[in-house]
N, C-alpha and C. Protein backbone atom coordinates (compact mmCIF):
# COMPACT_ATOMS: atom_id res chain seq x y z
N MET A 1 -12.01 12.25 11.37
CA MET A 1 -10.60 12.01 11.09
C MET A 1 -10.35 10.54 10.84
N ARG A 2 -9.63 10.24 9.77
CA ARG A 2 -9.28 8.85 9.47
C ARG A 2 -8.37 8.30 10.56
N ALA A 3 -8.51 6.98 10.84
CA ALA A 3 -7.76 6.37 11.93
C ALA A 3 -6.30 6.14 11.54
N ILE A 4 -5.40 6.56 12.42
CA ILE A 4 -3.97 6.33 12.24
C ILE A 4 -3.48 5.49 13.40
N CYS A 5 -2.78 4.42 13.09
CA CYS A 5 -2.16 3.58 14.10
C CYS A 5 -0.66 3.89 14.11
N VAL A 6 -0.19 4.47 15.19
CA VAL A 6 1.22 4.81 15.28
C VAL A 6 1.98 3.58 15.78
N SER A 7 3.03 3.22 15.06
CA SER A 7 3.79 2.01 15.37
C SER A 7 4.98 2.38 16.24
N VAL A 8 4.98 1.88 17.49
CA VAL A 8 5.97 2.31 18.46
C VAL A 8 6.86 1.17 18.92
N SER A 9 8.05 1.54 19.34
CA SER A 9 8.98 0.63 19.99
C SER A 9 9.69 1.43 21.07
N GLY A 10 10.43 0.75 21.91
CA GLY A 10 11.15 1.45 22.97
C GLY A 10 12.01 0.47 23.74
N ARG A 11 13.17 0.92 24.15
CA ARG A 11 14.07 0.02 24.86
C ARG A 11 13.50 -0.41 26.20
N THR A 12 12.81 0.50 26.87
CA THR A 12 12.26 0.20 28.19
C THR A 12 10.75 0.44 28.21
N ALA A 13 10.12 -0.01 29.29
CA ALA A 13 8.68 0.23 29.46
C ALA A 13 8.40 1.73 29.52
N GLU A 14 9.29 2.49 30.15
CA GLU A 14 9.11 3.94 30.24
C GLU A 14 9.18 4.58 28.86
N ASP A 15 10.08 4.08 28.01
CA ASP A 15 10.15 4.58 26.62
C ASP A 15 8.83 4.33 25.90
N LEU A 16 8.28 3.14 26.07
CA LEU A 16 7.02 2.81 25.42
C LEU A 16 5.89 3.70 25.91
N GLU A 17 5.82 3.89 27.19
CA GLU A 17 4.74 4.71 27.75
C GLU A 17 4.81 6.15 27.23
N ARG A 18 6.03 6.67 27.10
CA ARG A 18 6.17 8.02 26.55
C ARG A 18 5.74 8.05 25.09
N ALA A 19 6.12 7.01 24.34
CA ALA A 19 5.78 6.96 22.91
C ALA A 19 4.27 6.85 22.70
N LEU A 20 3.57 6.25 23.64
CA LEU A 20 2.12 6.03 23.51
C LEU A 20 1.29 7.24 23.91
N GLU A 21 1.88 8.19 24.59
CA GLU A 21 1.13 9.34 25.10
C GLU A 21 0.43 10.09 23.97
N GLY A 22 -0.87 10.29 24.14
CA GLY A 22 -1.64 11.08 23.19
C GLY A 22 -2.17 10.32 21.99
N HIS A 23 -1.91 9.03 21.91
CA HIS A 23 -2.34 8.24 20.75
C HIS A 23 -3.48 7.30 21.13
N LYS A 24 -4.58 7.37 20.39
CA LYS A 24 -5.73 6.50 20.65
C LYS A 24 -5.51 5.09 20.13
N LEU A 25 -4.73 4.95 19.04
CA LEU A 25 -4.50 3.65 18.42
C LEU A 25 -3.01 3.52 18.14
N ALA A 26 -2.41 2.45 18.63
CA ALA A 26 -0.97 2.27 18.46
C ALA A 26 -0.61 0.80 18.37
N GLU A 27 0.36 0.51 17.53
CA GLU A 27 0.94 -0.84 17.45
C GLU A 27 2.19 -0.86 18.31
N VAL A 28 2.28 -1.83 19.21
CA VAL A 28 3.46 -2.00 20.05
C VAL A 28 4.29 -3.14 19.46
N ARG A 29 5.48 -2.80 18.96
CA ARG A 29 6.37 -3.80 18.37
C ARG A 29 7.17 -4.46 19.50
N LEU A 30 6.57 -5.50 20.05
CA LEU A 30 7.18 -6.17 21.20
C LEU A 30 8.52 -6.82 20.87
N ASP A 31 8.74 -7.12 19.59
CA ASP A 31 10.02 -7.69 19.19
C ASP A 31 11.14 -6.65 19.18
N LEU A 32 10.78 -5.38 19.28
CA LEU A 32 11.78 -4.31 19.28
C LEU A 32 11.91 -3.66 20.65
N CYS A 33 11.38 -4.31 21.68
CA CYS A 33 11.38 -3.74 23.03
C CYS A 33 12.05 -4.68 24.02
N ASP A 34 12.73 -4.11 24.99
CA ASP A 34 13.31 -4.88 26.09
C ASP A 34 12.41 -4.71 27.31
N VAL A 35 11.27 -5.38 27.29
CA VAL A 35 10.32 -5.26 28.39
C VAL A 35 9.91 -6.66 28.84
N SER A 36 9.51 -6.75 30.09
CA SER A 36 9.09 -8.04 30.66
C SER A 36 7.61 -8.28 30.37
N CYS A 37 7.17 -9.49 30.62
CA CYS A 37 5.74 -9.80 30.45
C CYS A 37 4.90 -9.01 31.45
N ASN A 38 5.44 -8.75 32.63
CA ASN A 38 4.71 -7.92 33.59
C ASN A 38 4.55 -6.50 33.05
N ASP A 39 5.59 -5.96 32.42
CA ASP A 39 5.49 -4.65 31.79
C ASP A 39 4.42 -4.66 30.70
N ILE A 40 4.42 -5.73 29.89
CA ILE A 40 3.45 -5.85 28.81
C ILE A 40 2.03 -5.86 29.36
N ARG A 41 1.81 -6.63 30.41
CA ARG A 41 0.46 -6.69 31.00
C ARG A 41 0.03 -5.32 31.51
N ARG A 42 0.93 -4.62 32.14
CA ARG A 42 0.57 -3.31 32.68
C ARG A 42 0.26 -2.32 31.56
N ILE A 43 1.10 -2.26 30.56
CA ILE A 43 0.92 -1.30 29.47
C ILE A 43 -0.38 -1.58 28.70
N PHE A 44 -0.63 -2.85 28.39
CA PHE A 44 -1.83 -3.19 27.62
C PHE A 44 -3.10 -3.08 28.45
N SER A 45 -2.99 -3.20 29.74
CA SER A 45 -4.20 -3.04 30.57
C SER A 45 -4.56 -1.57 30.75
N GLU A 46 -3.59 -0.68 30.56
CA GLU A 46 -3.82 0.75 30.78
C GLU A 46 -4.25 1.49 29.52
N HIS A 47 -4.09 0.89 28.36
CA HIS A 47 -4.37 1.56 27.09
C HIS A 47 -5.34 0.70 26.29
N PRO A 48 -6.54 1.20 25.96
CA PRO A 48 -7.55 0.36 25.31
C PRO A 48 -7.38 0.17 23.80
N GLY A 49 -6.43 0.86 23.18
CA GLY A 49 -6.34 0.82 21.72
C GLY A 49 -5.01 0.35 21.19
N LEU A 50 -4.51 -0.78 21.70
CA LEU A 50 -3.18 -1.24 21.31
C LEU A 50 -3.23 -2.50 20.45
N VAL A 51 -2.33 -2.54 19.48
CA VAL A 51 -2.10 -3.71 18.63
C VAL A 51 -0.84 -4.39 19.13
N ALA A 52 -0.92 -5.67 19.46
CA ALA A 52 0.25 -6.43 19.92
C ALA A 52 0.90 -7.13 18.73
N THR A 53 2.17 -6.79 18.47
CA THR A 53 2.91 -7.39 17.37
C THR A 53 4.27 -7.84 17.88
N CYS A 54 4.66 -9.06 17.52
CA CYS A 54 5.98 -9.57 17.91
C CYS A 54 6.51 -10.40 16.74
N ARG A 55 7.25 -9.74 15.84
CA ARG A 55 7.72 -10.40 14.64
C ARG A 55 8.76 -11.48 14.96
N PRO A 56 8.81 -12.55 14.15
CA PRO A 56 9.81 -13.59 14.35
C PRO A 56 11.22 -13.04 14.16
N GLY A 57 12.17 -13.69 14.79
CA GLY A 57 13.56 -13.33 14.58
C GLY A 57 14.31 -13.13 15.88
N ARG A 58 13.91 -12.15 16.66
CA ARG A 58 14.66 -11.84 17.88
C ARG A 58 14.37 -12.86 18.98
N PHE A 59 13.11 -13.22 19.13
CA PHE A 59 12.73 -14.14 20.19
C PHE A 59 12.34 -15.49 19.61
N GLY A 60 12.56 -16.54 20.39
CA GLY A 60 12.11 -17.85 19.99
C GLY A 60 10.60 -17.97 20.07
N ALA A 61 10.08 -19.08 19.53
CA ALA A 61 8.64 -19.25 19.44
C ALA A 61 7.97 -19.20 20.80
N ALA A 62 8.58 -19.82 21.81
CA ALA A 62 7.95 -19.85 23.13
C ALA A 62 7.86 -18.46 23.74
N GLU A 63 8.91 -17.67 23.58
CA GLU A 63 8.89 -16.32 24.16
C GLU A 63 7.95 -15.40 23.40
N ARG A 64 7.90 -15.53 22.06
CA ARG A 64 6.93 -14.75 21.28
C ARG A 64 5.51 -15.07 21.74
N ARG A 65 5.21 -16.35 21.88
CA ARG A 65 3.88 -16.78 22.33
C ARG A 65 3.56 -16.17 23.68
N GLU A 66 4.50 -16.22 24.62
CA GLU A 66 4.27 -15.70 25.96
C GLU A 66 3.99 -14.20 25.93
N ARG A 67 4.74 -13.47 25.12
CA ARG A 67 4.56 -12.02 25.04
C ARG A 67 3.20 -11.67 24.43
N LEU A 68 2.86 -12.34 23.36
CA LEU A 68 1.58 -12.04 22.71
C LEU A 68 0.40 -12.41 23.60
N LEU A 69 0.48 -13.55 24.26
CA LEU A 69 -0.60 -13.95 25.16
C LEU A 69 -0.73 -12.98 26.33
N ALA A 70 0.39 -12.49 26.84
CA ALA A 70 0.34 -11.52 27.93
C ALA A 70 -0.41 -10.27 27.49
N ALA A 71 -0.14 -9.82 26.26
CA ALA A 71 -0.82 -8.63 25.74
C ALA A 71 -2.31 -8.88 25.53
N VAL A 72 -2.64 -10.03 24.95
CA VAL A 72 -4.04 -10.38 24.69
C VAL A 72 -4.82 -10.45 25.99
N GLU A 73 -4.28 -11.14 26.97
CA GLU A 73 -4.99 -11.33 28.22
C GLU A 73 -5.12 -10.03 29.01
N ALA A 74 -4.22 -9.07 28.75
CA ALA A 74 -4.28 -7.79 29.46
C ALA A 74 -5.24 -6.79 28.81
N GLY A 75 -5.71 -7.10 27.59
CA GLY A 75 -6.68 -6.21 26.97
C GLY A 75 -6.31 -5.62 25.63
N ALA A 76 -5.41 -6.25 24.89
CA ALA A 76 -5.06 -5.76 23.56
C ALA A 76 -6.31 -5.65 22.69
N ALA A 77 -6.37 -4.59 21.88
CA ALA A 77 -7.49 -4.44 20.95
C ALA A 77 -7.32 -5.35 19.74
N TYR A 78 -6.06 -5.53 19.32
CA TYR A 78 -5.72 -6.40 18.19
C TYR A 78 -4.46 -7.18 18.53
N VAL A 79 -4.33 -8.36 17.93
CA VAL A 79 -3.07 -9.09 17.95
C VAL A 79 -2.73 -9.43 16.50
N ASP A 80 -1.47 -9.24 16.13
CA ASP A 80 -1.01 -9.47 14.77
C ASP A 80 -0.26 -10.80 14.71
N LEU A 81 -0.75 -11.72 13.87
CA LEU A 81 -0.15 -13.04 13.71
C LEU A 81 0.19 -13.26 12.24
N GLU A 82 1.41 -13.67 11.94
CA GLU A 82 1.83 -13.86 10.56
C GLU A 82 1.12 -15.06 9.94
N VAL A 83 0.75 -14.92 8.67
CA VAL A 83 0.03 -15.99 8.00
C VAL A 83 0.88 -17.25 7.88
N ASP A 84 2.20 -17.10 7.88
CA ASP A 84 3.09 -18.25 7.74
C ASP A 84 3.63 -18.78 9.06
N CYS A 85 3.13 -18.26 10.18
CA CYS A 85 3.62 -18.76 11.47
C CYS A 85 3.05 -20.14 11.75
N ASP A 86 3.56 -20.78 12.77
CA ASP A 86 3.10 -22.12 13.13
C ASP A 86 1.60 -22.13 13.37
N GLN A 87 0.90 -23.07 12.74
CA GLN A 87 -0.56 -23.09 12.80
C GLN A 87 -1.08 -23.30 14.21
N GLU A 88 -0.44 -24.18 14.96
CA GLU A 88 -0.90 -24.44 16.33
C GLU A 88 -0.73 -23.20 17.20
N GLU A 89 0.41 -22.52 17.04
CA GLU A 89 0.65 -21.30 17.79
C GLU A 89 -0.38 -20.23 17.43
N ARG A 90 -0.64 -20.08 16.13
CA ARG A 90 -1.60 -19.08 15.70
C ARG A 90 -3.00 -19.41 16.23
N ARG A 91 -3.37 -20.67 16.17
CA ARG A 91 -4.70 -21.07 16.62
C ARG A 91 -4.87 -20.82 18.12
N GLU A 92 -3.86 -21.15 18.90
CA GLU A 92 -3.95 -20.95 20.35
C GLU A 92 -4.12 -19.46 20.68
N ILE A 93 -3.29 -18.63 20.06
CA ILE A 93 -3.37 -17.19 20.36
C ILE A 93 -4.68 -16.61 19.84
N ALA A 94 -5.09 -17.02 18.64
CA ALA A 94 -6.34 -16.51 18.07
C ALA A 94 -7.54 -16.94 18.92
N ASP A 95 -7.53 -18.17 19.41
CA ASP A 95 -8.62 -18.63 20.27
C ASP A 95 -8.69 -17.81 21.55
N ARG A 96 -7.52 -17.55 22.15
CA ARG A 96 -7.48 -16.75 23.37
C ARG A 96 -7.95 -15.33 23.08
N ALA A 97 -7.56 -14.82 21.92
CA ALA A 97 -8.00 -13.47 21.53
C ALA A 97 -9.52 -13.41 21.42
N GLY A 98 -10.11 -14.44 20.80
CA GLY A 98 -11.56 -14.47 20.66
C GLY A 98 -12.26 -14.46 22.00
N GLU A 99 -11.70 -15.16 22.97
CA GLU A 99 -12.29 -15.21 24.31
C GLU A 99 -12.21 -13.85 25.00
N ARG A 100 -11.19 -13.06 24.65
CA ARG A 100 -10.95 -11.79 25.32
C ARG A 100 -11.48 -10.58 24.56
N GLY A 101 -12.15 -10.82 23.42
CA GLY A 101 -12.66 -9.71 22.63
C GLY A 101 -11.58 -8.96 21.88
N CYS A 102 -10.48 -9.62 21.61
CA CYS A 102 -9.35 -9.04 20.88
C CYS A 102 -9.43 -9.47 19.43
N ARG A 103 -9.39 -8.54 18.50
CA ARG A 103 -9.48 -8.87 17.07
C ARG A 103 -8.13 -9.36 16.55
N VAL A 104 -8.19 -10.27 15.59
CA VAL A 104 -6.98 -10.91 15.05
C VAL A 104 -6.65 -10.32 13.68
N ILE A 105 -5.43 -9.79 13.57
CA ILE A 105 -4.87 -9.40 12.28
C ILE A 105 -3.96 -10.53 11.82
N VAL A 106 -4.23 -11.08 10.66
CA VAL A 106 -3.31 -12.06 10.08
C VAL A 106 -2.56 -11.35 8.96
N SER A 107 -1.23 -11.36 9.06
CA SER A 107 -0.43 -10.49 8.21
C SER A 107 0.51 -11.26 7.28
N PHE A 108 0.81 -10.61 6.16
CA PHE A 108 1.77 -11.10 5.18
C PHE A 108 2.72 -9.97 4.85
N HIS A 109 4.03 -10.27 4.82
CA HIS A 109 5.03 -9.26 4.49
C HIS A 109 5.95 -9.77 3.39
N ASP A 110 6.24 -8.91 2.44
CA ASP A 110 7.23 -9.20 1.40
C ASP A 110 8.15 -7.99 1.31
N PHE A 111 9.37 -8.15 1.79
CA PHE A 111 10.33 -7.05 1.83
C PHE A 111 11.16 -6.94 0.54
N GLU A 112 10.85 -7.80 -0.43
CA GLU A 112 11.59 -7.79 -1.69
C GLU A 112 10.81 -7.15 -2.83
N GLY A 113 9.50 -7.23 -2.80
CA GLY A 113 8.69 -6.68 -3.88
C GLY A 113 7.22 -6.93 -3.64
N THR A 114 6.40 -6.67 -4.66
CA THR A 114 4.95 -6.83 -4.58
C THR A 114 4.51 -7.92 -5.54
N PRO A 115 3.86 -8.97 -5.06
CA PRO A 115 3.40 -10.05 -5.94
C PRO A 115 2.36 -9.56 -6.96
N SER A 116 2.03 -10.45 -7.88
CA SER A 116 1.00 -10.16 -8.89
C SER A 116 -0.36 -9.98 -8.22
N ARG A 117 -1.30 -9.42 -8.96
CA ARG A 117 -2.66 -9.22 -8.42
C ARG A 117 -3.26 -10.55 -8.00
N GLU A 118 -3.10 -11.56 -8.84
CA GLU A 118 -3.67 -12.87 -8.52
C GLU A 118 -3.06 -13.43 -7.24
N ALA A 119 -1.75 -13.29 -7.11
CA ALA A 119 -1.07 -13.80 -5.92
C ALA A 119 -1.52 -13.03 -4.67
N LEU A 120 -1.67 -11.72 -4.79
CA LEU A 120 -2.11 -10.92 -3.66
C LEU A 120 -3.51 -11.33 -3.21
N GLU A 121 -4.40 -11.55 -4.15
CA GLU A 121 -5.76 -11.95 -3.79
C GLU A 121 -5.75 -13.32 -3.11
N GLU A 122 -4.89 -14.20 -3.57
CA GLU A 122 -4.77 -15.52 -2.93
C GLU A 122 -4.24 -15.38 -1.51
N ILE A 123 -3.29 -14.47 -1.30
CA ILE A 123 -2.74 -14.25 0.04
C ILE A 123 -3.81 -13.70 0.97
N VAL A 124 -4.61 -12.75 0.48
CA VAL A 124 -5.70 -12.22 1.30
C VAL A 124 -6.65 -13.35 1.71
N SER A 125 -6.99 -14.21 0.77
CA SER A 125 -7.87 -15.34 1.09
C SER A 125 -7.24 -16.25 2.14
N ARG A 126 -5.94 -16.49 2.02
CA ARG A 126 -5.23 -17.32 3.01
C ARG A 126 -5.31 -16.70 4.40
N CYS A 127 -5.19 -15.38 4.47
CA CYS A 127 -5.26 -14.70 5.77
C CYS A 127 -6.61 -14.93 6.43
N PHE A 128 -7.69 -14.79 5.64
CA PHE A 128 -9.02 -14.98 6.23
C PHE A 128 -9.29 -16.45 6.54
N GLU A 129 -8.77 -17.35 5.72
CA GLU A 129 -8.91 -18.78 6.02
C GLU A 129 -8.17 -19.15 7.30
N ALA A 130 -7.12 -18.37 7.62
CA ALA A 130 -6.34 -18.62 8.83
C ALA A 130 -6.97 -17.99 10.07
N GLY A 131 -8.14 -17.38 9.91
CA GLY A 131 -8.86 -16.86 11.07
C GLY A 131 -8.79 -15.36 11.27
N ALA A 132 -8.40 -14.63 10.23
CA ALA A 132 -8.27 -13.18 10.38
C ALA A 132 -9.62 -12.49 10.55
N ASP A 133 -9.66 -11.52 11.46
CA ASP A 133 -10.72 -10.52 11.45
C ASP A 133 -10.36 -9.42 10.46
N VAL A 134 -9.04 -9.17 10.36
CA VAL A 134 -8.49 -8.19 9.43
C VAL A 134 -7.26 -8.80 8.78
N ALA A 135 -7.13 -8.68 7.46
CA ALA A 135 -5.93 -9.14 6.76
C ALA A 135 -5.01 -7.94 6.55
N LYS A 136 -3.72 -8.15 6.77
CA LYS A 136 -2.73 -7.10 6.55
C LYS A 136 -1.73 -7.58 5.49
N ILE A 137 -1.61 -6.81 4.41
CA ILE A 137 -0.70 -7.14 3.32
C ILE A 137 0.29 -5.99 3.20
N ALA A 138 1.55 -6.23 3.51
CA ALA A 138 2.59 -5.20 3.45
C ALA A 138 3.70 -5.68 2.53
N CYS A 139 3.91 -4.96 1.44
CA CYS A 139 4.89 -5.36 0.44
C CYS A 139 5.74 -4.16 0.02
N LEU A 140 6.98 -4.42 -0.33
CA LEU A 140 7.83 -3.36 -0.86
C LEU A 140 7.31 -2.93 -2.22
N ALA A 141 7.02 -1.65 -2.35
CA ALA A 141 6.56 -1.11 -3.64
C ALA A 141 7.78 -0.61 -4.42
N ARG A 142 8.04 -1.24 -5.55
CA ARG A 142 9.17 -0.85 -6.39
C ARG A 142 8.75 0.07 -7.53
N SER A 143 7.45 0.29 -7.67
CA SER A 143 6.93 1.14 -8.76
C SER A 143 5.56 1.66 -8.36
N PRO A 144 5.08 2.71 -9.04
CA PRO A 144 3.70 3.15 -8.79
C PRO A 144 2.68 2.06 -9.07
N ALA A 145 2.98 1.19 -10.03
CA ALA A 145 2.05 0.09 -10.33
C ALA A 145 1.92 -0.86 -9.16
N ASP A 146 3.02 -1.08 -8.42
CA ASP A 146 2.96 -1.92 -7.23
C ASP A 146 2.02 -1.31 -6.20
N ALA A 147 2.16 0.00 -5.99
CA ALA A 147 1.29 0.69 -5.02
C ALA A 147 -0.17 0.60 -5.44
N ALA A 148 -0.42 0.80 -6.72
CA ALA A 148 -1.80 0.73 -7.22
C ALA A 148 -2.38 -0.67 -7.04
N ARG A 149 -1.54 -1.69 -7.26
CA ARG A 149 -2.00 -3.07 -7.11
C ARG A 149 -2.39 -3.36 -5.66
N LEU A 150 -1.62 -2.84 -4.72
CA LEU A 150 -1.96 -3.02 -3.31
C LEU A 150 -3.25 -2.30 -2.95
N LEU A 151 -3.40 -1.08 -3.43
CA LEU A 151 -4.63 -0.34 -3.14
C LEU A 151 -5.84 -1.00 -3.76
N GLY A 152 -5.64 -1.76 -4.83
CA GLY A 152 -6.74 -2.47 -5.47
C GLY A 152 -7.33 -3.57 -4.62
N LEU A 153 -6.65 -3.94 -3.53
CA LEU A 153 -7.18 -4.95 -2.61
C LEU A 153 -8.27 -4.39 -1.71
N LEU A 154 -8.40 -3.06 -1.68
CA LEU A 154 -9.33 -2.40 -0.77
C LEU A 154 -10.69 -2.20 -1.42
N GLY A 155 -11.68 -1.87 -0.58
CA GLY A 155 -12.99 -1.53 -1.08
C GLY A 155 -13.93 -2.71 -1.25
N HIS A 156 -13.52 -3.88 -0.76
CA HIS A 156 -14.39 -5.06 -0.86
C HIS A 156 -15.06 -5.31 0.50
N ASP A 157 -15.72 -6.44 0.64
CA ASP A 157 -16.49 -6.70 1.85
C ASP A 157 -15.61 -6.99 3.07
N ARG A 158 -14.41 -7.51 2.83
CA ARG A 158 -13.57 -7.92 3.95
C ARG A 158 -12.56 -6.83 4.31
N PRO A 159 -12.31 -6.59 5.61
CA PRO A 159 -11.37 -5.54 6.01
C PRO A 159 -9.92 -5.93 5.73
N VAL A 160 -9.24 -5.08 4.98
CA VAL A 160 -7.85 -5.34 4.58
C VAL A 160 -7.02 -4.09 4.86
N LEU A 161 -5.85 -4.31 5.42
CA LEU A 161 -4.84 -3.26 5.55
C LEU A 161 -3.83 -3.50 4.43
N ALA A 162 -3.76 -2.60 3.46
CA ALA A 162 -2.86 -2.75 2.32
C ALA A 162 -1.78 -1.67 2.41
N ILE A 163 -0.53 -2.11 2.50
CA ILE A 163 0.56 -1.17 2.77
C ILE A 163 1.69 -1.40 1.77
N GLY A 164 2.10 -0.33 1.12
CA GLY A 164 3.28 -0.36 0.28
C GLY A 164 4.46 0.16 1.08
N MET A 165 5.45 -0.66 1.30
CA MET A 165 6.64 -0.23 2.04
C MET A 165 7.61 0.47 1.10
N GLY A 166 8.46 1.31 1.69
CA GLY A 166 9.43 2.05 0.90
C GLY A 166 8.88 3.37 0.40
N PRO A 167 9.76 4.21 -0.20
CA PRO A 167 9.32 5.54 -0.65
C PRO A 167 8.17 5.51 -1.64
N LEU A 168 8.18 4.56 -2.57
CA LEU A 168 7.12 4.51 -3.58
C LEU A 168 5.81 3.96 -3.03
N GLY A 169 5.84 3.47 -1.79
CA GLY A 169 4.62 2.97 -1.17
C GLY A 169 3.93 3.98 -0.28
N LYS A 170 4.53 5.15 -0.11
CA LYS A 170 3.96 6.13 0.83
C LYS A 170 2.54 6.53 0.44
N ILE A 171 2.25 6.56 -0.85
CA ILE A 171 0.91 6.94 -1.29
C ILE A 171 -0.14 6.00 -0.72
N THR A 172 0.22 4.74 -0.52
CA THR A 172 -0.76 3.79 0.03
C THR A 172 -1.11 4.15 1.47
N ARG A 173 -0.16 4.70 2.20
CA ARG A 173 -0.41 5.05 3.60
C ARG A 173 -1.35 6.24 3.71
N VAL A 174 -1.36 7.07 2.68
CA VAL A 174 -2.27 8.21 2.64
C VAL A 174 -3.63 7.80 2.09
N ALA A 175 -3.63 7.04 1.00
CA ALA A 175 -4.88 6.74 0.30
C ALA A 175 -5.69 5.63 0.94
N ALA A 176 -5.05 4.66 1.58
CA ALA A 176 -5.75 3.47 2.07
C ALA A 176 -6.95 3.78 2.96
N PRO A 177 -6.85 4.74 3.91
CA PRO A 177 -8.02 4.99 4.77
C PRO A 177 -9.23 5.53 4.02
N PHE A 178 -9.01 6.13 2.85
CA PHE A 178 -10.12 6.66 2.05
C PHE A 178 -10.72 5.60 1.13
N LEU A 179 -10.06 4.44 1.06
CA LEU A 179 -10.50 3.39 0.13
C LEU A 179 -11.00 2.15 0.85
N GLY A 180 -11.19 2.25 2.16
CA GLY A 180 -11.78 1.13 2.89
C GLY A 180 -10.90 0.47 3.92
N SER A 181 -9.63 0.88 4.03
CA SER A 181 -8.76 0.30 5.05
C SER A 181 -9.21 0.74 6.43
N PRO A 182 -9.26 -0.16 7.42
CA PRO A 182 -9.71 0.23 8.76
C PRO A 182 -8.85 1.34 9.38
N PHE A 183 -7.57 1.35 9.09
CA PHE A 183 -6.67 2.40 9.55
C PHE A 183 -5.39 2.33 8.74
N THR A 184 -4.49 3.27 9.00
CA THR A 184 -3.20 3.29 8.33
C THR A 184 -2.13 3.43 9.40
N PHE A 185 -0.89 3.12 9.05
CA PHE A 185 0.20 3.12 10.02
C PHE A 185 1.11 4.34 9.82
N SER A 186 1.62 4.85 10.94
CA SER A 186 2.58 5.94 10.90
C SER A 186 3.71 5.65 11.89
N SER A 187 4.76 6.45 11.81
CA SER A 187 5.80 6.42 12.84
C SER A 187 5.50 7.52 13.85
N PRO A 188 6.03 7.42 15.08
CA PRO A 188 5.80 8.48 16.06
C PRO A 188 6.41 9.81 15.60
N ALA A 189 7.58 9.75 14.96
CA ALA A 189 8.28 10.95 14.52
C ALA A 189 9.32 10.56 13.48
N GLU A 190 9.90 11.55 12.84
CA GLU A 190 10.97 11.31 11.88
C GLU A 190 12.13 10.59 12.58
N GLY A 191 12.59 9.50 11.96
CA GLY A 191 13.71 8.76 12.52
C GLY A 191 13.33 7.64 13.46
N SER A 192 12.05 7.46 13.74
CA SER A 192 11.62 6.40 14.66
C SER A 192 10.73 5.38 13.95
N GLU A 193 10.96 5.18 12.65
CA GLU A 193 10.15 4.25 11.87
C GLU A 193 10.42 2.81 12.29
N THR A 194 9.37 2.00 12.29
CA THR A 194 9.51 0.57 12.53
C THR A 194 9.36 -0.23 11.24
N ALA A 195 9.07 0.45 10.13
CA ALA A 195 8.97 -0.19 8.81
C ALA A 195 9.33 0.86 7.76
N PRO A 196 9.92 0.44 6.64
CA PRO A 196 10.34 1.40 5.62
C PRO A 196 9.17 2.13 4.97
N GLY A 197 9.27 3.46 4.90
CA GLY A 197 8.24 4.24 4.25
C GLY A 197 7.18 4.81 5.16
N GLN A 198 7.26 4.53 6.46
CA GLN A 198 6.29 5.12 7.38
C GLN A 198 6.44 6.64 7.39
N ILE A 199 5.31 7.31 7.49
CA ILE A 199 5.26 8.77 7.53
C ILE A 199 5.08 9.20 8.98
N PRO A 200 5.79 10.23 9.44
CA PRO A 200 5.60 10.69 10.82
C PRO A 200 4.14 11.02 11.12
N HIS A 201 3.71 10.72 12.34
CA HIS A 201 2.31 10.83 12.71
C HIS A 201 1.76 12.24 12.45
N LYS A 202 2.46 13.27 12.89
CA LYS A 202 1.95 14.63 12.72
C LYS A 202 1.78 14.99 11.25
N THR A 203 2.74 14.57 10.45
CA THR A 203 2.68 14.86 9.01
C THR A 203 1.50 14.15 8.37
N LEU A 204 1.36 12.85 8.67
CA LEU A 204 0.28 12.07 8.07
C LEU A 204 -1.08 12.58 8.54
N ALA A 205 -1.22 12.92 9.82
CA ALA A 205 -2.49 13.43 10.33
C ALA A 205 -2.86 14.73 9.63
N ALA A 206 -1.88 15.59 9.37
CA ALA A 206 -2.16 16.85 8.68
C ALA A 206 -2.61 16.61 7.25
N ILE A 207 -1.98 15.66 6.58
CA ILE A 207 -2.38 15.34 5.19
C ILE A 207 -3.80 14.80 5.15
N LEU A 208 -4.12 13.89 6.04
CA LEU A 208 -5.46 13.29 6.06
C LEU A 208 -6.53 14.33 6.40
N ARG A 209 -6.21 15.24 7.33
CA ARG A 209 -7.17 16.30 7.65
C ARG A 209 -7.42 17.19 6.45
N GLU A 210 -6.36 17.51 5.72
CA GLU A 210 -6.50 18.38 4.56
C GLU A 210 -7.35 17.72 3.48
N ILE A 211 -7.15 16.44 3.27
CA ILE A 211 -7.96 15.73 2.27
C ILE A 211 -9.42 15.68 2.71
N ASP A 212 -9.65 15.44 4.01
CA ASP A 212 -11.02 15.39 4.52
C ASP A 212 -11.74 16.73 4.34
N ARG A 213 -11.00 17.82 4.40
CA ARG A 213 -11.60 19.15 4.25
C ARG A 213 -11.98 19.44 2.80
N ALA A 214 -11.33 18.77 1.86
CA ALA A 214 -11.52 19.08 0.44
C ALA A 214 -12.94 18.76 -0.01
């Protein structure tokens, strides 16, 4: 079975724990949760397959750093750091991740559209130059050509997560695991998406199983 990472959020630690039940690989959107660092340490120490993500916006730099470090030190499998975040902050968290055996995802997001092929390849290179173990490129797909351009980033020597956001990007969430992406992202259920275009976990798992049987 192709790997699916379910992207979860929750108002409380109990909400998060319920959302994580039954999932081997999950992204915890710490920026969308009202949980303490003690909660983060407990949750990440109890689950071996979690991705720690805390997008800029809701929390200041110091609190984001504290939350991500709490997750890394408790046993996160991956930590997601934006390619455009502060270099010193990224270096500190990435160094701590390396010490703890936590892999680093360096990510790029474009919520307006999908850059040209040349620009996308340059962004992927920037992610790896910034210390990525895995590069994540997530862009709004406004056309099938945008989705195809994102999928064209896959199948090379370096691990890349290529995601087309929005309805026209859904094909990337299905096809990417068959083209070299380490995993793909889903929502826990209909109505609980953390990014536009996520497919509910049960639906996506059924599609991937059917393709694997073909």
